[in-house]
């Protein structure tokens, strides 16, 4: 299954749950580095999140740490 198919499937699930639940948490690894702004998949995932009012945890301020 390719990247766009996964997002399509998630989109179907979100559209079915839109009027049923108040909040949705999607867990998993989309294997995308959102800091790579020239990455095709990063741009597609970012647009998808914006369209569905989702916020990637990887971009949350508490995710930044000063150690590896």
Protein backbone atom coordinates (compact mmCIF):
# COMPACT_ATOMS: atom_id res chain seq x y z
CA UNK A 1 0.00 0.00 0.00
CA UNK A 2 1.48 3.34 -0.94
CA UNK A 3 1.49 6.60 0.98
CA UNK A 4 -1.43 8.21 -0.84
CA UNK A 5 -3.58 5.09 -0.39
CA UNK A 6 -3.00 5.23 3.36
CA UNK A 7 -4.04 8.88 3.50
CA UNK A 8 -7.09 8.09 1.38
CA UNK A 9 -8.10 5.35 3.82
CA UNK A 10 -7.60 7.66 6.81
CA UNK A 11 -9.66 10.30 5.01
CA UNK A 12 -12.52 7.80 4.57
CA UNK A 13 -12.44 6.92 8.27
CA UNK A 14 -12.35 10.58 9.30
CA UNK A 15 -15.28 11.45 7.04
CA UNK A 16 -17.37 8.64 8.54
CA UNK A 17 -16.57 9.70 12.11
CA UNK A 18 -16.86 13.45 11.55
CA UNK A 19 -20.35 13.81 13.02
CA UNK A 20 -20.05 10.93 15.49
CA UNK A 21 -17.11 11.87 17.73
CA UNK A 22 -15.71 15.09 19.19
CA UNK A 23 -12.03 14.29 18.81
CA UNK A 24 -9.78 11.85 17.00
CA UNK A 25 -6.24 10.73 17.76
CA UNK A 26 -4.36 8.98 14.99
CA UNK A 27 -1.34 7.01 16.12
CA UNK A 28 1.38 5.54 14.02
CA UNK A 29 4.43 6.32 11.98
CA UNK A 30 3.85 7.84 8.56
CA UNK A 31 7.62 7.56 7.96
CA UNK A 32 7.81 11.22 6.93
CA UNK A 33 10.30 13.83 8.11
CA UNK A 34 8.11 16.93 8.37
CA UNK A 35 11.18 19.16 8.69
CA UNK A 36 12.12 18.39 5.06
CA UNK A 37 10.00 21.06 3.43
CA UNK A 38 11.00 19.99 -0.08
CA UNK A 39 9.85 16.42 0.51
CA UNK A 40 6.80 15.49 -1.55
CA UNK A 41 5.39 13.27 1.21
CA UNK A 42 6.00 15.89 3.89
CA UNK A 43 4.03 18.46 1.90
CA UNK A 44 1.21 16.02 1.19
CA UNK A 45 0.97 15.00 4.86
CA UNK A 46 1.11 18.62 6.03
CA UNK A 47 -1.71 19.58 3.66
CA UNK A 48 -3.70 16.55 4.79
CA UNK A 49 -3.32 17.57 8.44
CA UNK A 50 -4.36 21.14 7.68
CA UNK A 51 -7.39 19.97 5.70
CA UNK A 52 -8.53 17.76 8.59
CA UNK A 53 -7.56 20.11 11.44
CA UNK A 54 -4.97 17.62 12.71
CA UNK A 55 -1.75 18.57 14.47
CA UNK A 56 1.27 16.28 14.13
CA UNK A 57 2.82 15.56 17.53
CA UNK A 58 6.25 15.81 15.90
CA UNK A 59 5.67 19.55 15.54
CA UNK A 60 4.44 20.09 19.12
CA UNK A 61 6.82 22.24 21.23
CA UNK A 62 7.10 19.56 23.92
CA UNK A 63 8.59 17.23 21.33
CA UNK A 64 11.79 19.31 21.11
CA UNK A 65 14.46 18.03 23.47
CA UNK A 66 18.07 19.08 23.95
CA UNK A 67 19.43 15.53 23.93
CA UNK A 68 19.38 12.56 21.57
